[in-house]
Structures are given as structure tokens and as C-alpha cells.
Amino acid sequence: MKMYQVDAFTTELFKGNPAAVIVTEQWLDEALMQNIALENNLAETAFVKVIDAENYEIRWFTPTTEVSFCGHATLASSFVLFKDYTAALTLQFHVKDLGIFVVSQDADGKIKMNFPVRRAEKIQQYPEILKQILSKPFKNVYLNRQAYIVEYENSQDVLDEKPDLALLKQWSKMQSLETKETALDLAITAQATTYDCMSRYFAPANGIDEDPVTGSIYTAIVPLWADKLGKKEILAYQASTRGGKLYCELLENERIEISGYAQLYMQAELYL
């Protein structure tokens, strides 16, 4: 079985967020998919099931769990499909609970993904434990179905932040047990100078201490900054060690286009 590893949201190898991609005619056993993701030990492994040359289903697994939405592994999967599996210029992913993602590729290789907006709401009574998890002062706290999003005063604080990941993991898991929902993650964000916004993302309860680039959370972060800055096009940077650049545009009908580049790192043969 063929597997690809692709660096997403970057034009350089060893930058962006690496994802593994496996394209199949039928879904593998769920336990096998989870074991492959664990063995890969990447933020996400994507499994893509072919419907036809323009239509696909997609699922995403961290080393510890299946997740409902992953942007960078969708970009990596699109890169692989455009490279080796279809001559189509546009393809569609059929996603459980999220509908259809329409994806296209420009002549220069940039991949454009059309996602639903998943807005975050400002919360006045935020959990006090956030002050223990985070070491820097913050302005506002927002929440969507995926994560708490904490707005900082400046981008330097985003860069300098060293969260208490053990406490975040413990708290997120306790919340998950109480709500019987997937553990919530934590994003931090601030206005930047070279970019419109700079962010970081932490998900220790879901097997990822710091995610290099998190495409899915920009369905919430970009609408926040679009409103604050009075513009629909947002250039975002995720300031992890690897770093990644996201070209975003807020569209009508509660949709968002998130775009980026990808680089192939590896093709491998799995012996299963």
C-alpha cells in the first residue's frame, strides 16, 4: 500500500505541517487506520477513499484519535490527488457532518480549499484556569466547537508564550469526560506586522503538544481578524518552530477559502 508524506502550508521542505496521506478504494479497518497514524506519529494521517476522479471521502487521525476536521491534511491530500490520481482541476471532498469541501489548484501549485466558517463567540466568563495555563497577559477569549481562542496584546507575546501543556492536557481531558465530546484545544493569536495575524495552536489532549500549522482553526480565527481589521482577505502565519503561511479570504454564505502550498517529502510502501 502506497503512502505519501507531504509538508503542508509551505514552499520549503521541513517547514509547514507534515501529514501522511493514504488513498484507498475502500476504507481500511478503523483500528488499522488508528495504528497507522500512531506508527507515523505525525499530527495527522489522512485516509482518502475514491468515489470517482473528482469526488472523494476523507478521514483524519492523530496518533491517538480520529478528528472531525483537519485543514493541513486536507491540503496534503489534495496535493497528492492532483499529483497522481486525477487530471481534474477541481475536486470535492465529502466530509461527515461538514458537507462538501471544494478544492482547486492554481497553475503555480497553490491549493485553494473552500471550507465552512466555524465562528468563535466571545466569552466573558472564561475559565480561570487559562490564567494558569498561559504565562502572558491576554485581551479576549473566544470559543468555537474546536478550541478556545485567546487574543493577545501583541505578536511578541504569542512568540514568547510557553504554556503549561501538562495542565492544559489534564483540563481538556476532564472537560471531555464531563461533556462526552472531543477534548477542546487552545489557540493563541494576535495582530502582526508582516502578516495580518500570528497564531499558535496546542492540542496535548488530542496527541499534539504544539501543532505546526492548523488549517481548521482559521475557519474561526480569520473571521475574528476580518471583523477587527475591516478586510476580507487575511494573510495568516502560524508561528510554530516549523512555521506556515495561510492565504485566507472570507466569502459569502458563511464560507471561507484557505489556501497554501505543499511539498512532497516522501513516498513509501506499507507492508500490511
Protein backbone atom coordinates (compact mmCIF):
# COMPACT_ATOMS: atom_id res chain seq x y z
CA MET A 1 0.00 0.00 0.00
CA LYS A 2 1.37 3.39 -1.00
CA MET A 3 1.69 6.22 1.50
CA TYR A 4 2.82 9.82 0.94
CA GLN A 5 4.23 12.33 3.41
CA VAL A 6 3.65 15.95 2.47
CA ASP A 7 4.68 19.22 4.13
CA ALA A 8 1.59 21.46 4.00
CA PHE A 9 1.31 25.27 4.04
CA THR A 10 4.88 25.79 2.89
CA THR A 11 7.02 26.12 -0.23
CA GLU A 12 10.03 24.57 1.55
CA LEU A 13 10.71 21.07 2.83
CA PHE A 14 10.97 20.72 6.60
CA LYS A 15 8.61 23.67 7.09
CA GLY A 16 4.84 23.79 7.42
CA ASN A 17 2.96 20.81 8.85
CA PRO A 18 3.77 17.26 7.71
CA ALA A 19 0.86 14.91 7.04
CA ALA A 20 0.73 11.35 5.80
CA VAL A 21 -1.78 10.51 3.05
CA ILE A 22 -3.14 7.10 2.03
CA VAL A 23 -5.56 6.78 -0.90
CA THR A 24 -7.77 3.67 -0.95
CA GLU A 25 -10.69 2.21 -2.89
CA GLN A 26 -12.37 1.08 0.36
CA TRP A 27 -11.98 2.17 3.97
CA LEU A 28 -9.44 0.24 5.97
CA ASP A 29 -10.44 -1.20 9.32
CA GLU A 30 -10.73 1.67 11.81
CA ALA A 31 -8.31 0.09 14.28
CA LEU A 32 -5.77 -0.34 11.48
CA MET A 33 -6.11 3.31 10.47
CA GLN A 34 -5.51 4.37 14.06
CA ASN A 35 -2.47 2.09 14.33
CA ILE A 36 -1.00 3.52 11.11
CA ALA A 37 -1.47 7.06 12.48
CA LEU A 38 0.18 6.03 15.74
CA GLU A 39 3.09 4.46 13.87
CA ASN A 40 3.51 7.58 11.71
CA ASN A 41 3.47 9.80 14.81
CA LEU A 42 2.58 12.87 12.77
CA ALA A 43 -0.02 15.44 13.75
CA GLU A 44 -2.40 13.81 11.26
CA THR A 45 -2.62 10.90 8.88
CA ALA A 46 -5.33 11.34 6.23
CA PHE A 47 -7.18 8.45 4.62
CA VAL A 48 -8.88 9.24 1.32
CA LYS A 49 -11.48 6.96 -0.30
CA VAL A 50 -12.04 7.34 -4.03
CA ILE A 51 -15.61 7.88 -5.26
CA ASP A 52 -14.61 8.96 -8.76
CA ALA A 53 -11.96 11.19 -10.39
CA GLU A 54 -13.45 14.36 -8.89
CA ASN A 55 -15.09 13.13 -5.67
CA TYR A 56 -13.53 11.66 -2.53
CA GLU A 57 -14.28 10.94 1.09
CA ILE A 58 -11.66 11.83 3.71
CA ARG A 59 -10.93 10.99 7.35
CA TRP A 60 -8.16 12.26 9.65
CA PHE A 61 -6.37 10.56 12.56
CA THR A 62 -3.90 11.93 15.10
CA PRO A 63 -1.64 9.39 16.85
CA THR A 64 -4.35 8.91 19.49
CA THR A 65 -7.77 9.65 17.97
CA GLU A 66 -9.87 10.39 14.88
CA VAL A 67 -10.70 14.09 14.49
CA SER A 68 -13.67 15.68 12.78
CA PHE A 69 -11.76 18.25 10.68
CA CYS A 70 -8.15 18.86 9.65
CA GLY A 71 -7.07 21.59 7.26
CA HIS A 72 -3.40 20.81 6.65
CA ALA A 73 -4.03 17.11 5.98
CA THR A 74 -6.78 18.11 3.53
CA LEU A 75 -4.24 20.31 1.74
CA ALA A 76 -1.72 17.44 1.72
CA SER A 77 -4.36 15.02 0.40
CA SER A 78 -5.35 17.45 -2.34
CA PHE A 79 -1.70 17.80 -3.35
CA VAL A 80 -1.39 14.00 -3.68
CA LEU A 81 -4.63 13.65 -5.64
CA PHE A 82 -3.75 16.42 -8.09
CA LYS A 83 -0.28 14.94 -8.50
CA ASP A 84 -1.06 11.26 -9.06
CA TYR A 85 -4.78 10.45 -9.06
CA THR A 86 -6.77 12.92 -11.16
CA ALA A 87 -6.44 15.22 -14.15
CA ALA A 88 -9.35 17.30 -12.86
CA LEU A 89 -8.67 20.93 -11.96
CA THR A 90 -11.24 20.85 -9.15
CA LEU A 91 -12.17 18.10 -6.73
CA GLN A 92 -14.66 17.64 -3.91
CA PHE A 93 -14.24 16.05 -0.51
CA HIS A 94 -17.40 14.65 1.05
CA VAL A 95 -16.99 15.08 4.81
CA LYS A 96 -19.19 13.66 7.55
CA ASP A 97 -21.09 16.45 9.38
CA LEU A 98 -19.32 19.22 7.42
CA GLY A 99 -20.65 18.71 3.90
CA ILE A 100 -18.58 19.21 0.76
CA PHE A 101 -15.16 20.87 0.55
CA VAL A 102 -14.42 22.15 -2.96
CA VAL A 103 -10.69 22.28 -3.72
CA SER A 104 -8.83 23.65 -6.75
CA GLN A 105 -5.19 24.13 -7.74
CA ASP A 106 -3.70 27.19 -9.44
CA ALA A 107 -1.08 26.97 -12.17
CA ASP A 108 1.67 27.86 -9.67
CA GLY A 109 0.67 24.98 -7.39
CA LYS A 110 -1.27 26.92 -4.77
CA ILE A 111 -4.17 24.83 -3.49
CA LYS A 112 -7.42 26.62 -2.60
CA MET A 113 -9.82 24.96 -0.17
CA ASN A 114 -13.40 26.10 0.40
CA PHE A 115 -14.50 25.37 3.98
CA PRO A 116 -17.48 26.29 6.16
CA VAL A 117 -16.86 29.13 8.60
CA ARG A 118 -16.87 27.88 12.19
CA ARG A 119 -17.13 31.14 14.10
CA ALA A 120 -15.91 31.59 17.65
CA GLU A 121 -18.01 33.52 20.16
CA LYS A 122 -16.50 35.87 22.71
CA ILE A 123 -16.96 34.58 26.26
CA GLN A 124 -16.99 36.95 29.21
CA GLN A 125 -16.78 34.32 31.94
CA TYR A 126 -13.84 32.33 30.66
CA PRO A 127 -12.30 29.50 32.71
CA GLU A 128 -9.88 30.94 35.27
CA ILE A 129 -7.53 28.03 34.69
CA LEU A 130 -6.49 29.71 31.42
CA LYS A 131 -4.52 32.18 33.57
CA GLN A 132 -2.58 29.24 35.00
CA ILE A 133 -2.03 27.53 31.64
CA LEU A 134 -0.83 30.70 29.90
CA SER A 135 2.05 32.85 31.12
CA LYS A 136 1.31 36.04 29.15
CA PRO A 137 -1.50 38.58 29.68
CA PHE A 138 -4.36 38.36 27.20
CA LYS A 139 -7.19 40.60 25.98
CA ASN A 140 -10.11 38.39 24.99
CA VAL A 141 -11.19 34.76 24.99
CA TYR A 142 -13.33 33.16 22.27
CA LEU A 143 -14.71 29.66 21.89
CA ASN A 144 -15.85 27.53 18.97
CA ARG A 145 -16.52 23.81 18.72
CA GLN A 146 -12.82 23.06 18.27
CA ALA A 147 -10.84 25.27 20.64
CA TYR A 148 -10.54 28.19 23.00
CA ILE A 149 -9.01 31.09 21.07
CA VAL A 150 -7.14 33.60 23.21
CA GLU A 151 -6.31 37.04 21.81
CA TYR A 152 -3.01 38.56 22.94
CA GLU A 153 -1.95 42.20 23.04
CA ASN A 154 0.93 41.70 20.59
CA SER A 155 2.59 39.10 18.40
CA GLN A 156 5.76 39.00 20.53
CA ASP A 157 3.74 37.54 23.39
CA VAL A 158 2.46 34.87 21.01
CA LEU A 159 6.05 34.01 20.10
CA ASP A 160 7.25 34.01 23.72
CA GLU A 161 4.36 32.05 25.23
CA LYS A 162 5.29 28.79 26.99
CA PRO A 163 2.01 27.24 28.09
CA ASP A 164 1.73 24.62 30.81
CA LEU A 165 0.95 21.72 28.46
CA ALA A 166 0.54 19.16 31.23
CA LEU A 167 -2.12 21.30 32.90
CA LEU A 168 -3.82 22.01 29.56
CA LYS A 169 -3.92 18.27 28.79
CA GLN A 170 -5.36 17.43 32.20
CA TRP A 171 -8.01 20.16 31.99
CA SER A 172 -9.01 19.32 28.40
CA LYS A 173 -9.41 15.64 29.24
CA MET A 174 -11.54 16.44 32.29
CA GLN A 175 -13.79 18.64 30.13
CA SER A 176 -14.06 15.87 27.56
CA LEU A 177 -15.14 13.36 30.20
CA GLU A 178 -17.75 15.78 31.52
CA THR A 179 -19.20 16.71 28.13
CA LYS A 180 -18.55 13.37 26.36
CA GLU A 181 -17.22 15.43 23.43
CA THR A 182 -13.79 15.62 21.79
CA ALA A 183 -11.31 17.47 24.01
CA LEU A 184 -11.07 21.18 23.24
CA ASP A 185 -7.72 22.58 22.11
CA LEU A 186 -6.15 26.00 22.70
CA ALA A 187 -5.15 28.63 20.13
CA ILE A 188 -3.46 31.96 20.80
CA THR A 189 -3.48 34.83 18.31
CA ALA A 190 -2.52 38.49 17.89
CA GLN A 191 -2.34 41.14 15.20
CA ALA A 192 1.05 41.15 13.47
CA THR A 193 3.03 43.46 11.20
CA THR A 194 4.35 41.40 8.26
CA TYR A 195 1.13 39.36 8.43
CA ASP A 196 -2.40 40.31 9.41
CA CYS A 197 -2.31 37.87 12.31
CA MET A 198 0.06 35.46 14.02
CA SER A 199 -1.13 32.39 15.91
CA ARG A 200 -0.07 29.18 17.64
CA TYR A 201 -2.05 26.04 18.47
CA PHE A 202 -1.82 23.49 21.30
CA ALA A 203 -3.64 20.14 21.47
CA PRO A 204 -1.94 17.84 24.03
CA ALA A 205 -5.18 16.05 24.94
CA ASN A 206 -5.50 15.00 21.29
CA GLY A 207 -1.92 13.79 21.00
CA ILE A 208 -0.29 17.00 19.69
CA ASP A 209 1.62 19.28 22.07
CA GLU A 210 2.00 22.11 19.54
CA ASP A 211 0.61 21.73 16.05
CA PRO A 212 2.94 23.23 13.39
CA VAL A 213 0.12 24.64 11.21
CA THR A 214 -3.60 24.16 11.91
CA GLY A 215 -5.71 24.94 8.85
CA SER A 216 -9.03 24.12 10.53
CA ILE A 217 -8.78 26.74 13.28
CA TYR A 218 -8.50 29.56 10.73
CA THR A 219 -12.18 28.98 9.93
CA ALA A 220 -12.62 30.77 13.29
CA ILE A 221 -9.50 32.94 13.61
CA VAL A 222 -9.86 34.60 10.18
CA PRO A 223 -13.46 35.80 10.74
CA LEU A 224 -12.30 37.36 14.03
CA TRP A 225 -9.50 39.31 12.36
CA ALA A 226 -11.58 40.12 9.29
CA ASP A 227 -14.08 41.87 11.60
CA LYS A 228 -11.37 43.61 13.63
CA LEU A 229 -9.36 44.79 10.61
CA GLY A 230 -12.29 45.51 8.31
CA LYS A 231 -10.99 43.35 5.45
CA LYS A 232 -11.95 40.04 3.86
CA GLU A 233 -8.51 38.86 2.78
CA ILE A 234 -6.25 37.83 5.66
CA LEU A 235 -2.63 36.69 5.42
CA ALA A 236 -2.02 34.49 8.44
CA TYR A 237 1.14 33.00 9.90
CA GLN A 238 1.36 30.14 12.37
CA ALA A 239 4.43 30.76 14.49
CA SER A 240 5.45 27.23 15.43
CA THR A 241 9.07 26.13 15.12
CA ARG A 242 8.37 24.93 11.56
CA GLY A 243 6.03 27.83 10.70
CA GLY A 244 3.43 28.08 7.98
CA LYS A 245 1.70 30.68 5.83
CA LEU A 246 -2.04 30.66 5.06
CA TYR A 247 -3.75 32.82 2.43
CA CYS A 248 -7.34 33.32 3.55
CA GLU A 249 -10.42 35.02 2.17
CA LEU A 250 -13.79 35.32 3.87
CA LEU A 251 -16.54 34.53 1.34
CA GLU A 252 -20.30 34.92 1.28
CA ASN A 253 -22.73 32.39 2.74
CA GLU A 254 -20.53 31.64 5.75
CA ARG A 255 -17.75 30.09 3.68
CA ILE A 256 -14.02 30.70 3.76
CA GLU A 257 -11.22 29.98 1.30
CA ILE A 258 -7.97 28.86 2.90
CA SER A 259 -5.05 28.41 0.51
CA GLY A 260 -1.46 27.32 0.64
CA TYR A 261 1.36 25.41 -0.97
CA ALA A 262 2.71 21.94 -0.27
CA GLN A 263 5.90 19.96 -0.82
CA LEU A 264 6.27 16.21 -1.25
CA TYR A 265 8.76 14.78 1.24
CA MET A 266 8.35 11.03 0.86
CA GLN A 267 6.58 8.17 -0.87
CA ALA A 268 6.60 4.88 0.99
CA GLU A 269 5.29 1.33 0.66
CA LEU A 270 3.39 -0.08 3.63
CA TYR A 271 3.58 -3.83 4.25
CA LEU A 272 0.29 -4.63 5.98
